[in-house]
Amino acid sequence: MTTDTTTIIINNKIISDYFQNDKDAIDSIQQFLTFDEINIPPLNIIIKVSGGGNTGQQKAICLALARTFHQMEMGFSDILKKKNLLTQDSRVKERRKYGLKKARKAPQYSKR
């Protein structure tokens, strides 16, 4: 993070080019930087993200920004905690078990 003007670059693309058709992702990330209670100085934010889909990447970016602002100790750690931005969604894909077709799907049962 460097201080110049407020621009967000994700994987060497401007945020509007990276999330082309996903207006909600752009709004949620930009809304994160413009809270009423938080006075964030102009920043040049460069983000590298990989894996997952658009929604997962967007949530990962918001979590990374929240953790970065929390570590910078600019005085809005309490606000980030109140808005529940420092918690990570802990759900992960369940592994496939042997003897089953998928994680929980069993082959069809035949009595005879």
PDB file of N, CA and C in Angstrom:
ATOM      1  N   MET A   1       0.840  -1.172   0.000  1.00  0.00           N
ATOM      2  CA  MET A   1       0.000   0.000   0.000  1.00  0.00           C
ATOM      3  C   MET A   1       0.889   1.240   0.000  1.00  0.00           C
ATOM      4  N   THR A   2       0.656   2.093  -0.939  1.00  0.00           N
ATOM      5  CA  THR A   2       1.384   3.347  -1.002  1.00  0.00           C
ATOM      6  C   THR A   2       0.378   4.484  -1.018  1.00  0.00           C
ATOM      7  N   THR A   3       0.768   5.639  -0.498  1.00  0.00           N
ATOM      8  CA  THR A   3      -0.159   6.759  -0.409  1.00  0.00           C
ATOM      9  C   THR A   3       0.038   7.706  -1.579  1.00  0.00           C
ATOM     10  N   ASP A   4      -0.948   7.799  -2.448  1.00  0.00           N
ATOM     11  CA  ASP A   4      -0.996   8.774  -3.544  1.00  0.00           C
ATOM     12  C   ASP A   4      -2.446   9.213  -3.711  1.00  0.00           C
ATOM     13  N   THR A   5      -3.177   8.476  -4.503  1.00  0.00           N
ATOM     14  CA  THR A   5      -4.603   8.696  -4.690  1.00  0.00           C
ATOM     15  C   THR A   5      -5.310   7.370  -4.465  1.00  0.00           C
ATOM     16  N   THR A   6      -6.605   7.434  -4.246  1.00  0.00           N
ATOM     17  CA  THR A   6      -7.341   6.207  -3.978  1.00  0.00           C
ATOM     18  C   THR A   6      -7.620   5.479  -5.289  1.00  0.00           C
ATOM     19  N   THR A   7      -6.777   4.510  -5.607  1.00  0.00           N
ATOM     20  CA  THR A   7      -7.002   3.634  -6.748  1.00  0.00           C
ATOM     21  C   THR A   7      -6.813   2.199  -6.274  1.00  0.00           C
ATOM     22  N   ILE A   8      -7.617   1.310  -6.836  1.00  0.00           N
ATOM     23  CA  ILE A   8      -7.533  -0.101  -6.472  1.00  0.00           C
ATOM     24  C   ILE A   8      -7.158  -0.884  -7.718  1.00  0.00           C
ATOM     25  N   ILE A   9      -6.017  -1.580  -7.665  1.00  0.00           N
ATOM     26  CA  ILE A   9      -5.541  -2.387  -8.784  1.00  0.00           C
ATOM     27  C   ILE A   9      -5.507  -3.838  -8.328  1.00  0.00           C
ATOM     28  N   ILE A  10      -6.222  -4.708  -9.063  1.00  0.00           N
ATOM     29  CA  ILE A  10      -6.289  -6.126  -8.728  1.00  0.00           C
ATOM     30  C   ILE A  10      -5.665  -6.904  -9.877  1.00  0.00           C
ATOM     31  N   ASN A  11      -4.615  -7.658  -9.602  1.00  0.00           N
ATOM     32  CA  ASN A  11      -3.896  -8.452 -10.614  1.00  0.00           C
ATOM     33  C   ASN A  11      -3.561  -7.621 -11.854  1.00  0.00           C
ATOM     34  N   ASN A  12      -2.979  -6.459 -11.631  1.00  0.00           N
ATOM     35  CA  ASN A  12      -2.542  -5.529 -12.678  1.00  0.00           C
ATOM     36  C   ASN A  12      -3.686  -4.997 -13.531  1.00  0.00           C
ATOM     37  N   LYS A  13      -4.902  -4.988 -13.010  1.00  0.00           N
ATOM     38  CA  LYS A  13      -6.058  -4.406 -13.701  1.00  0.00           C
ATOM     39  C   LYS A  13      -6.783  -3.497 -12.723  1.00  0.00           C
ATOM     40  N   ILE A  14      -7.373  -2.425 -13.254  1.00  0.00           N
ATOM     41  CA  ILE A  14      -8.196  -1.553 -12.420  1.00  0.00           C
ATOM     42  C   ILE A  14      -9.426  -2.346 -11.984  1.00  0.00           C
ATOM     43  N   ILE A  15      -9.971  -2.019 -10.818  1.00  0.00           N
ATOM     44  CA  ILE A  15     -11.062  -2.807 -10.240  1.00  0.00           C
ATOM     45  C   ILE A  15     -12.253  -2.933 -11.191  1.00  0.00           C
ATOM     46  N   SER A  16     -12.570  -1.880 -11.948  1.00  0.00           N
ATOM     47  CA  SER A  16     -13.712  -1.953 -12.867  1.00  0.00           C
ATOM     48  C   SER A  16     -13.432  -2.880 -14.042  1.00  0.00           C
ATOM     49  N   ASP A  17     -12.161  -3.049 -14.418  1.00  0.00           N
ATOM     50  CA  ASP A  17     -11.818  -3.989 -15.486  1.00  0.00           C
ATOM     51  C   ASP A  17     -11.760  -5.425 -14.970  1.00  0.00           C
ATOM     52  N   TYR A  18     -11.353  -5.606 -13.705  1.00  0.00           N
ATOM     53  CA  TYR A  18     -11.226  -6.955 -13.155  1.00  0.00           C
ATOM     54  C   TYR A  18     -12.598  -7.566 -12.883  1.00  0.00           C
ATOM     55  N   PHE A  19     -13.479  -6.810 -12.217  1.00  0.00           N
ATOM     56  CA  PHE A  19     -14.852  -7.266 -11.976  1.00  0.00           C
ATOM     57  C   PHE A  19     -15.760  -6.573 -12.989  1.00  0.00           C
ATOM     58  N   GLN A  20     -15.687  -6.978 -14.246  1.00  0.00           N
ATOM     59  CA  GLN A  20     -16.391  -6.272 -15.315  1.00  0.00           C
ATOM     60  C   GLN A  20     -17.908  -6.272 -15.146  1.00  0.00           C
ATOM     61  N   ASN A  21     -18.506  -7.426 -14.972  1.00  0.00           N
ATOM     62  CA  ASN A  21     -19.960  -7.520 -14.935  1.00  0.00           C
ATOM     63  C   ASN A  21     -20.517  -7.593 -13.521  1.00  0.00           C
ATOM     64  N   ASP A  22     -19.667  -7.572 -12.529  1.00  0.00           N
ATOM     65  CA  ASP A  22     -20.114  -7.728 -11.151  1.00  0.00           C
ATOM     66  C   ASP A  22     -20.083  -6.380 -10.443  1.00  0.00           C
ATOM     67  N   LYS A  23     -21.165  -5.625 -10.579  1.00  0.00           N
ATOM     68  CA  LYS A  23     -21.254  -4.298  -9.987  1.00  0.00           C
ATOM     69  C   LYS A  23     -21.262  -4.370  -8.459  1.00  0.00           C
ATOM     70  N   ASP A  24     -21.844  -5.456  -7.903  1.00  0.00           N
ATOM     71  CA  ASP A  24     -21.916  -5.594  -6.445  1.00  0.00           C
ATOM     72  C   ASP A  24     -20.529  -5.732  -5.827  1.00  0.00           C
ATOM     73  N   ALA A  25     -19.640  -6.466  -6.491  1.00  0.00           N
ATOM     74  CA  ALA A  25     -18.281  -6.643  -5.973  1.00  0.00           C
ATOM     75  C   ALA A  25     -17.543  -5.312  -5.943  1.00  0.00           C
ATOM     76  N   ILE A  26     -17.676  -4.541  -7.007  1.00  0.00           N
ATOM     77  CA  ILE A  26     -17.018  -3.231  -7.069  1.00  0.00           C
ATOM     78  C   ILE A  26     -17.565  -2.320  -5.977  1.00  0.00           C
ATOM     79  N   ASP A  27     -18.898  -2.306  -5.829  1.00  0.00           N
ATOM     80  CA  ASP A  27     -19.518  -1.432  -4.834  1.00  0.00           C
ATOM     81  C   ASP A  27     -19.121  -1.811  -3.416  1.00  0.00           C
ATOM     82  N   SER A  28     -19.077  -3.117  -3.118  1.00  0.00           N
ATOM     83  CA  SER A  28     -18.768  -3.531  -1.749  1.00  0.00           C
ATOM     84  C   SER A  28     -17.325  -3.207  -1.373  1.00  0.00           C
ATOM     85  N   ILE A  29     -16.405  -3.356  -2.319  1.00  0.00           N
ATOM     86  CA  ILE A  29     -15.005  -3.044  -2.020  1.00  0.00           C
ATOM     87  C   ILE A  29     -14.808  -1.537  -1.895  1.00  0.00           C
ATOM     88  N   GLN A  30     -15.425  -0.758  -2.798  1.00  0.00           N
ATOM     89  CA  GLN A  30     -15.282   0.688  -2.712  1.00  0.00           C
ATOM     90  C   GLN A  30     -16.043   1.255  -1.520  1.00  0.00           C
ATOM     91  N   GLN A  31     -17.167   0.626  -1.170  1.00  0.00           N
ATOM     92  CA  GLN A  31     -17.924   1.059  -0.007  1.00  0.00           C
ATOM     93  C   GLN A  31     -17.134   0.804   1.274  1.00  0.00           C
ATOM     94  N   PHE A  32     -16.321  -0.238   1.259  1.00  0.00           N
ATOM     95  CA  PHE A  32     -15.471  -0.553   2.404  1.00  0.00           C
ATOM     96  C   PHE A  32     -14.519   0.604   2.709  1.00  0.00           C
ATOM     97  N   LEU A  33     -14.066   1.306   1.676  1.00  0.00           N
ATOM     98  CA  LEU A  33     -13.107   2.398   1.855  1.00  0.00           C
ATOM     99  C   LEU A  33     -13.778   3.723   2.192  1.00  0.00           C
ATOM    100  N   THR A  34     -15.117   3.778   2.167  1.00  0.00           N
ATOM    101  CA  THR A  34     -15.816   5.042   2.399  1.00  0.00           C
ATOM    102  C   THR A  34     -16.843   4.912   3.517  1.00  0.00           C
ATOM    103  N   PHE A  35     -16.456   4.328   4.651  1.00  0.00           N
ATOM    104  CA  PHE A  35     -17.343   4.290   5.808  1.00  0.00           C
ATOM    105  C   PHE A  35     -17.487   5.699   6.359  1.00  0.00           C
ATOM    106  N   ASP A  36     -18.647   5.977   6.950  1.00  0.00           N
ATOM    107  CA  ASP A  36     -18.867   7.294   7.539  1.00  0.00           C
ATOM    108  C   ASP A  36     -17.988   7.507   8.772  1.00  0.00           C
ATOM    109  N   GLU A  37     -17.807   6.436   9.552  1.00  0.00           N
ATOM    110  CA  GLU A  37     -17.054   6.558  10.803  1.00  0.00           C
ATOM    111  C   GLU A  37     -15.544   6.566  10.575  1.00  0.00           C
ATOM    112  N   ILE A  38     -15.113   6.067   9.418  1.00  0.00           N
ATOM    113  CA  ILE A  38     -13.684   5.916   9.159  1.00  0.00           C
ATOM    114  C   ILE A  38     -13.225   7.008   8.202  1.00  0.00           C
ATOM    115  N   ASN A  39     -12.158   7.680   8.549  1.00  0.00           N
ATOM    116  CA  ASN A  39     -11.570   8.684   7.671  1.00  0.00           C
ATOM    117  C   ASN A  39     -10.278   8.102   7.108  1.00  0.00           C
ATOM    118  N   ILE A  40     -10.387   7.402   5.981  1.00  0.00           N
ATOM    119  CA  ILE A  40      -9.234   6.739   5.384  1.00  0.00           C
ATOM    120  C   ILE A  40      -8.525   7.718   4.453  1.00  0.00           C
ATOM    121  N   PRO A  41      -7.226   7.888   4.611  1.00  0.00           N
ATOM    122  CA  PRO A  41      -6.494   8.777   3.704  1.00  0.00           C
ATOM    123  C   PRO A  41      -6.441   8.185   2.298  1.00  0.00           C
ATOM    124  N   PRO A  42      -6.146   9.010   1.280  1.00  0.00           N
ATOM    125  CA  PRO A  42      -6.044   8.480  -0.089  1.00  0.00           C
ATOM    126  C   PRO A  42      -4.944   7.425  -0.185  1.00  0.00           C
ATOM    127  N   LEU A  43      -5.278   6.278  -0.771  1.00  0.00           N
ATOM    128  CA  LEU A  43      -4.336   5.168  -0.862  1.00  0.00           C
ATOM    129  C   LEU A  43      -4.299   4.617  -2.277  1.00  0.00           C
ATOM    130  N   ASN A  44      -3.153   4.077  -2.653  1.00  0.00           N
ATOM    131  CA  ASN A  44      -3.004   3.337  -3.896  1.00  0.00           C
ATOM    132  C   ASN A  44      -2.872   1.878  -3.490  1.00  0.00           C
ATOM    133  N   ILE A  45      -3.926   1.084  -3.709  1.00  0.00           N
ATOM    134  CA  ILE A  45      -3.976  -0.288  -3.215  1.00  0.00           C
ATOM    135  C   ILE A  45      -3.730  -1.248  -4.367  1.00  0.00           C
ATOM    136  N   ILE A  46      -2.717  -2.098  -4.219  1.00  0.00           N
ATOM    137  CA  ILE A  46      -2.385  -3.105  -5.227  1.00  0.00           C
ATOM    138  C   ILE A  46      -2.631  -4.473  -4.605  1.00  0.00           C
ATOM    139  N   ILE A  47      -3.494  -5.277  -5.251  1.00  0.00           N
ATOM    140  CA  ILE A  47      -3.927  -6.560  -4.698  1.00  0.00           C
ATOM    141  C   ILE A  47      -3.620  -7.670  -5.687  1.00  0.00           C
ATOM    142  N   LYS A  48      -3.089  -8.786  -5.187  1.00  0.00           N
ATOM    143  CA  LYS A  48      -2.912 -10.007  -5.984  1.00  0.00           C
ATOM    144  C   LYS A  48      -3.854 -11.052  -5.409  1.00  0.00           C
ATOM    145  N   VAL A  49      -4.715 -11.623  -6.251  1.00  0.00           N
ATOM    146  CA  VAL A  49      -5.681 -12.611  -5.792  1.00  0.00           C
ATOM    147  C   VAL A  49      -5.766 -13.730  -6.823  1.00  0.00           C
ATOM    148  N   SER A  50      -5.957 -14.970  -6.342  1.00  0.00           N
ATOM    149  CA  SER A  50      -6.076 -16.103  -7.261  1.00  0.00           C
ATOM    150  C   SER A  50      -7.007 -17.138  -6.658  1.00  0.00           C
ATOM    151  N   GLY A  51      -7.582 -17.968  -7.508  1.00  0.00           N
ATOM    152  CA  GLY A  51      -8.439 -19.062  -7.065  1.00  0.00           C
ATOM    153  C   GLY A  51      -9.846 -18.612  -6.755  1.00  0.00           C
ATOM    154  N   GLY A  52     -10.760 -19.576  -6.709  1.00  0.00           N
ATOM    155  CA  GLY A  52     -12.141 -19.289  -6.369  1.00  0.00           C
ATOM    156  C   GLY A  52     -12.869 -18.550  -7.472  1.00  0.00           C
ATOM    157  N   GLY A  53     -14.053 -18.085  -7.161  1.00  0.00           N
ATOM    158  CA  GLY A  53     -14.862 -17.324  -8.110  1.00  0.00           C
ATOM    159  C   GLY A  53     -14.854 -15.853  -7.762  1.00  0.00           C
ATOM    160  N   ASN A  54     -15.693 -15.087  -8.448  1.00  0.00           N
ATOM    161  CA  ASN A  54     -15.741 -13.644  -8.220  1.00  0.00           C
ATOM    162  C   ASN A  54     -16.151 -13.305  -6.792  1.00  0.00           C
ATOM    163  N   THR A  55     -17.185 -13.981  -6.291  1.00  0.00           N
ATOM    164  CA  THR A  55     -17.672 -13.682  -4.945  1.00  0.00           C
ATOM    165  C   THR A  55     -16.629 -14.040  -3.895  1.00  0.00           C
ATOM    166  N   GLY A  56     -15.992 -15.190  -4.043  1.00  0.00           N
ATOM    167  CA  GLY A  56     -14.959 -15.594  -3.095  1.00  0.00           C
ATOM    168  C   GLY A  56     -13.774 -14.650  -3.107  1.00  0.00           C
ATOM    169  N   GLN A  57     -13.372 -14.218  -4.294  1.00  0.00           N
ATOM    170  CA  GLN A  57     -12.256 -13.278  -4.395  1.00  0.00           C
ATOM    171  C   GLN A  57     -12.627 -11.933  -3.791  1.00  0.00           C
ATOM    172  N   GLN A  58     -13.858 -11.496  -4.025  1.00  0.00           N
ATOM    173  CA  GLN A  58     -14.308 -10.219  -3.480  1.00  0.00           C
ATOM    174  C   GLN A  58     -14.314 -10.256  -1.955  1.00  0.00           C
ATOM    175  N   LYS A  59     -14.791 -11.352  -1.380  1.00  0.00           N
ATOM    176  CA  LYS A  59     -14.808 -11.470   0.082  1.00  0.00           C
ATOM    177  C   LYS A  59     -13.393 -11.579   0.640  1.00  0.00           C
ATOM    178  N   ALA A  60     -12.501 -12.247  -0.093  1.00  0.00           N
ATOM    179  CA  ALA A  60     -11.105 -12.351   0.341  1.00  0.00           C
ATOM    180  C   ALA A  60     -10.431 -10.983   0.318  1.00  0.00           C
ATOM    181  N   ILE A  61     -10.743 -10.179  -0.684  1.00  0.00           N
ATOM    182  CA  ILE A  61     -10.172  -8.832  -0.781  1.00  0.00           C
ATOM    183  C   ILE A  61     -10.657  -7.971   0.377  1.00  0.00           C
ATOM    184  N   CYS A  62     -11.958  -8.034   0.689  1.00  0.00           N
ATOM    185  CA  CYS A  62     -12.495  -7.256   1.810  1.00  0.00           C
ATOM    186  C   CYS A  62     -11.860  -7.676   3.130  1.00  0.00           C
ATOM    187  N   LEU A  63     -11.675  -8.980   3.322  1.00  0.00           N
ATOM    188  CA  LEU A  63     -11.044  -9.469   4.550  1.00  0.00           C
ATOM    189  C   LEU A  63      -9.590  -9.016   4.630  1.00  0.00           C
ATOM    190  N   ALA A  64      -8.881  -9.064   3.505  1.00  0.00           N
ATOM    191  CA  ALA A  64      -7.475  -8.634   3.486  1.00  0.00           C
ATOM    192  C   ALA A  64      -7.355  -7.144   3.784  1.00  0.00           C
ATOM    193  N   LEU A  65      -8.248  -6.331   3.215  1.00  0.00           N
ATOM    194  CA  LEU A  65      -8.220  -4.893   3.497  1.00  0.00           C
ATOM    195  C   LEU A  65      -8.520  -4.627   4.971  1.00  0.00           C
ATOM    196  N   ALA A  66      -9.505  -5.335   5.519  1.00  0.00           N
ATOM    197  CA  ALA A  66      -9.852  -5.145   6.931  1.00  0.00           C
ATOM    198  C   ALA A  66      -8.681  -5.516   7.834  1.00  0.00           C
ATOM    199  N   ARG A  67      -8.025  -6.635   7.530  1.00  0.00           N
ATOM    200  CA  ARG A  67      -6.883  -7.056   8.352  1.00  0.00           C
ATOM    201  C   ARG A  67      -5.712  -6.087   8.211  1.00  0.00           C
ATOM    202  N   THR A  68      -5.525  -5.543   7.012  1.00  0.00           N
ATOM    203  CA  THR A  68      -4.447  -4.576   6.798  1.00  0.00           C
ATOM    204  C   THR A  68      -4.694  -3.306   7.597  1.00  0.00           C
ATOM    205  N   PHE A  69      -5.937  -2.785   7.538  1.00  0.00           N
ATOM    206  CA  PHE A  69      -6.253  -1.578   8.305  1.00  0.00           C
ATOM    207  C   PHE A  69      -6.177  -1.850   9.805  1.00  0.00           C
ATOM    208  N   HIS A  70      -6.509  -3.057  10.216  1.00  0.00           N
ATOM    209  CA  HIS A  70      -6.413  -3.434  11.630  1.00  0.00           C
ATOM    210  C   HIS A  70      -4.948  -3.437  12.085  1.00  0.00           C
ATOM    211  N   GLN A  71      -4.050  -3.940  11.237  1.00  0.00           N
ATOM    212  CA  GLN A  71      -2.629  -3.980  11.584  1.00  0.00           C
ATOM    213  C   GLN A  71      -1.981  -2.601  11.526  1.00  0.00           C
ATOM    214  N   MET A  72      -2.490  -1.723  10.657  1.00  0.00           N
ATOM    215  CA  MET A  72      -1.925  -0.379  10.552  1.00  0.00           C
ATOM    216  C   MET A  72      -2.232   0.457  11.790  1.00  0.00           C
ATOM    217  N   GLU A  73      -3.227   0.033  12.581  1.00  0.00           N
ATOM    218  CA  GLU A  73      -3.612   0.707  13.819  1.00  0.00           C
ATOM    219  C   GLU A  73      -3.872   2.190  13.595  1.00  0.00           C
ATOM    220  N   MET A  74      -4.752   2.463  12.648  1.00  0.00           N
ATOM    221  CA  MET A  74      -5.112   3.847  12.360  1.00  0.00           C
ATOM    222  C   MET A  74      -6.295   4.303  13.216  1.00  0.00           C
ATOM    223  N   GLY A  75      -6.728   3.476  14.162  1.00  0.00           N
ATOM    224  CA  GLY A  75      -7.766   3.887  15.092  1.00  0.00           C
ATOM    225  C   GLY A  75      -9.156   3.380  14.767  1.00  0.00           C
ATOM    226  N   PHE A  76      -9.316   2.538  13.769  1.00  0.00           N
ATOM    227  CA  PHE A  76     -10.662   2.031  13.498  1.00  0.00           C
ATOM    228  C   PHE A  76     -10.773   0.525  13.629  1.00  0.00           C
ATOM    229  N   SER A  77     -10.023  -0.055  14.544  1.00  0.00           N
ATOM    230  CA  SER A  77     -10.147  -1.489  14.813  1.00  0.00           C
ATOM    231  C   SER A  77     -11.503  -1.817  15.423  1.00  0.00           C
ATOM    232  N   ASP A  78     -11.998  -0.938  16.314  1.00  0.00           N
ATOM    233  CA  ASP A  78     -13.299  -1.173  16.943  1.00  0.00           C
ATOM    234  C   ASP A  78     -14.425  -1.146  15.916  1.00  0.00           C
ATOM    235  N   ILE A  79     -14.338  -0.242  14.955  1.00  0.00           N
ATOM    236  CA  ILE A  79     -15.379  -0.136  13.922  1.00  0.00           C
ATOM    237  C   ILE A  79     -15.371  -1.373  13.038  1.00  0.00           C
ATOM    238  N   LEU A  80     -14.181  -1.866  12.697  1.00  0.00           N
ATOM    239  CA  LEU A  80     -14.086  -3.076  11.878  1.00  0.00           C
ATOM    240  C   LEU A  80     -14.665  -4.277  12.615  1.00  0.00           C
ATOM    241  N   LYS A  81     -14.437  -4.349  13.921  1.00  0.00           N
ATOM    242  CA  LYS A  81     -14.985  -5.455  14.710  1.00  0.00           C
ATOM    243  C   LYS A  81     -16.501  -5.352  14.821  1.00  0.00           C
ATOM    244  N   LYS A  82     -17.034  -4.125  14.993  1.00  0.00           N
ATOM    245  CA  LYS A  82     -18.482  -3.934  15.082  1.00  0.00           C
ATOM    246  C   LYS A  82     -19.180  -4.333  13.785  1.00  0.00           C
ATOM    247  N   LYS A  83     -18.574  -4.006  12.667  1.00  0.00           N
ATOM    248  CA  LYS A  83     -19.163  -4.334  11.363  1.00  0.00           C
ATOM    249  C   LYS A  83     -18.873  -5.771  10.945  1.00  0.00           C
ATOM    250  N   ASN A  84     -18.184  -6.526  11.819  1.00  0.00           N
ATOM    251  CA  ASN A  84     -17.905  -7.953  11.610  1.00  0.00           C
ATOM    252  C   ASN A  84     -17.079  -8.199  10.341  1.00  0.00           C
ATOM    253  N   LEU A  85     -16.112  -7.321  10.086  1.00  0.00           N
ATOM    254  CA  LEU A  85     -15.281  -7.438   8.886  1.00  0.00           C
ATOM    255  C   LEU A  85     -13.985  -8.202   9.129  1.00  0.00           C
ATOM    256  N   LEU A  86     -13.691  -8.532  10.369  1.00  0.00           N
ATOM    257  CA  LEU A  86     -12.447  -9.236  10.670  1.00  0.00           C
ATOM    258  C   LEU A  86     -12.650 -10.739  10.818  1.00  0.00           C
ATOM    259  N   THR A  87     -13.857 -11.236  10.543  1.00  0.00           N
ATOM    260  CA  THR A  87     -14.116 -12.672  10.657  1.00  0.00           C
ATOM    261  C   THR A  87     -14.116 -13.309   9.279  1.00  0.00           C
ATOM    262  N   GLN A  88     -13.562 -14.503   9.215  1.00  0.00           N
ATOM    263  CA  GLN A  88     -13.441 -15.235   7.957  1.00  0.00           C
ATOM    264  C   GLN A  88     -14.490 -16.339   7.910  1.00  0.00           C
ATOM    265  N   ASP A  89     -15.051 -16.582   6.738  1.00  0.00           N
ATOM    266  CA  ASP A  89     -16.001 -17.672   6.554  1.00  0.00           C
ATOM    267  C   ASP A  89     -15.206 -18.975   6.548  1.00  0.00           C
ATOM    268  N   SER A  90     -15.459 -19.832   7.534  1.00  0.00           N
ATOM    269  CA  SER A  90     -14.614 -21.008   7.730  1.00  0.00           C
ATOM    270  C   SER A  90     -15.093 -22.236   6.969  1.00  0.00           C
ATOM    271  N   ARG A  91     -16.145 -22.105   6.156  1.00  0.00           N
ATOM    272  CA  ARG A  91     -16.643 -23.278   5.439  1.00  0.00           C
ATOM    273  C   ARG A  91     -15.681 -23.667   4.317  1.00  0.00           C
ATOM    274  N   VAL A  92     -15.372 -24.954   4.231  1.00  0.00           N
ATOM    275  CA  VAL A  92     -14.522 -25.481   3.168  1.00  0.00           C
ATOM    276  C   VAL A  92     -15.191 -26.711   2.574  1.00  0.00           C
ATOM    277  N   LYS A  93     -14.750 -27.100   1.399  1.00  0.00           N
ATOM    278  CA  LYS A  93     -15.317 -28.261   0.728  1.00  0.00           C
ATOM    279  C   LYS A  93     -14.944 -29.528   1.490  1.00  0.00           C
ATOM    280  N   GLU A  94     -15.941 -30.391   1.680  1.00  0.00           N
ATOM    281  CA  GLU A  94     -15.716 -31.639   2.404  1.00  0.00           C
ATOM    282  C   GLU A  94     -15.029 -32.639   1.481  1.00  0.00           C
ATOM    283  N   ARG A  95     -14.105 -33.420   2.040  1.00  0.00           N
ATOM    284  CA  ARG A  95     -13.347 -34.353   1.220  1.00  0.00           C
ATOM    285  C   ARG A  95     -14.193 -35.548   0.827  1.00  0.00           C
ATOM    286  N   ARG A  96     -13.817 -36.211  -0.260  1.00  0.00           N
ATOM    287  CA  ARG A  96     -14.499 -37.414  -0.733  1.00  0.00           C
ATOM    288  C   ARG A  96     -14.012 -38.604   0.079  1.00  0.00           C
ATOM    289  N   LYS A  97     -14.961 -39.429   0.556  1.00  0.00           N
ATOM    290  CA  LYS A  97     -14.611 -40.621   1.321  1.00  0.00           C
ATOM    291  C   LYS A  97     -14.623 -41.842   0.417  1.00  0.00           C
ATOM    292  N   TYR A  98     -13.769 -42.812   0.709  1.00  0.00           N
ATOM    293  CA  TYR A  98     -13.737 -44.033  -0.093  1.00  0.00           C
ATOM    294  C   TYR A  98     -15.034 -44.809   0.134  1.00  0.00           C
ATOM    295  N   GLY A  99     -15.486 -45.501  -0.891  1.00  0.00           N
ATOM    296  CA  GLY A  99     -16.740 -46.239  -0.822  1.00  0.00           C
ATOM    297  C   GLY A  99     -17.952 -45.397  -1.171  1.00  0.00           C
ATOM    298  N   LEU A 100     -17.766 -44.082  -1.307  1.00  0.00           N
ATOM    299  CA  LEU A 100     -18.857 -43.186  -1.676  1.00  0.00           C
ATOM    300  C   LEU A 100     -18.550 -42.547  -3.016  1.00  0.00           C
ATOM    301  N   LYS A 101     -19.599 -42.056  -3.692  1.00  0.00           N
ATOM    302  CA  LYS A 101     -19.401 -41.422  -4.991  1.00  0.00           C
ATOM    303  C   LYS A 101     -18.886 -39.987  -4.839  1.00  0.00           C
ATOM    304  N   LYS A 102     -19.440 -39.282  -3.854  1.00  0.00           N
ATOM    305  CA  LYS A 102     -18.988 -37.928  -3.541  1.00  0.00           C
ATOM    306  C   LYS A 102     -18.713 -37.872  -2.044  1.00  0.00           C
ATOM    307  N   ALA A 103     -18.707 -36.690  -1.463  1.00  0.00           N
ATOM    308  CA  ALA A 103     -18.404 -36.570  -0.040  1.00  0.00           C
ATOM    309  C   ALA A 103     -19.428 -37.307   0.821  1.00  0.00           C
ATOM    310  N   ARG A 104     -20.705 -37.237   0.440  1.00  0.00           N
ATOM    311  CA  ARG A 104     -21.750 -37.899   1.229  1.00  0.00           C
ATOM    312  C   ARG A 104     -22.679 -38.776   0.398  1.00  0.00           C
ATOM    313  N   LYS A 105     -22.582 -38.708  -0.919  1.00  0.00           N
ATOM    314  CA  LYS A 105     -23.487 -39.468  -1.784  1.00  0.00           C
ATOM    315  C   LYS A 105     -23.024 -40.923  -1.883  1.00  0.00           C
ATOM    316  N   ALA A 106     -23.890 -41.834  -1.445  1.00  0.00           N
ATOM    317  CA  ALA A 106     -23.564 -43.263  -1.472  1.00  0.00           C
ATOM    318  C   ALA A 106     -24.104 -43.889  -2.751  1.00  0.00           C
ATOM    319  N   PRO A 107     -23.499 -44.996  -3.192  1.00  0.00           N
ATOM    320  CA  PRO A 107     -24.063 -45.689  -4.355  1.00  0.00           C
ATOM    321  C   PRO A 107     -25.449 -46.239  -4.015  1.00  0.00           C
ATOM    322  N   GLN A 108     -26.245 -46.493  -5.041  1.00  0.00           N
ATOM    323  CA  GLN A 108     -27.618 -46.952  -4.836  1.00  0.00           C
ATOM    324  C   GLN A 108     -27.619 -48.293  -4.106  1.00  0.00           C
ATOM    325  N   TYR A 109     -28.489 -48.394  -3.116  1.00  0.00           N
ATOM    326  CA  TYR A 109     -28.578 -49.606  -2.301  1.00  0.00           C
ATOM    327  C   TYR A 109     -29.472 -50.629  -2.993  1.00  0.00           C
ATOM    328  N   SER A 110     -29.015 -51.866  -3.042  1.00  0.00           N
ATOM    329  CA  SER A 110     -29.806 -52.956  -3.614  1.00  0.00           C
ATOM    330  C   SER A 110     -29.967 -54.033  -2.553  1.00  0.00           C
ATOM    331  N   LYS A 111     -31.218 -54.352  -2.239  1.00  0.00           N
ATOM    332  CA  LYS A 111     -31.470 -55.340  -1.189  1.00  0.00           C
ATOM    333  C   LYS A 111     -31.101 -56.742  -1.651  1.00  0.00           C
ATOM    334  N   ARG A 112     -31.315 -57.047  -2.937  1.00  0.00           N
ATOM    335  CA  ARG A 112     -31.002 -58.390  -3.466  1.00  0.00           C
ATOM    336  C   ARG A 112     -30.046 -58.294  -4.627  1.00  0.00           C
TER     337      ARG A 112
END
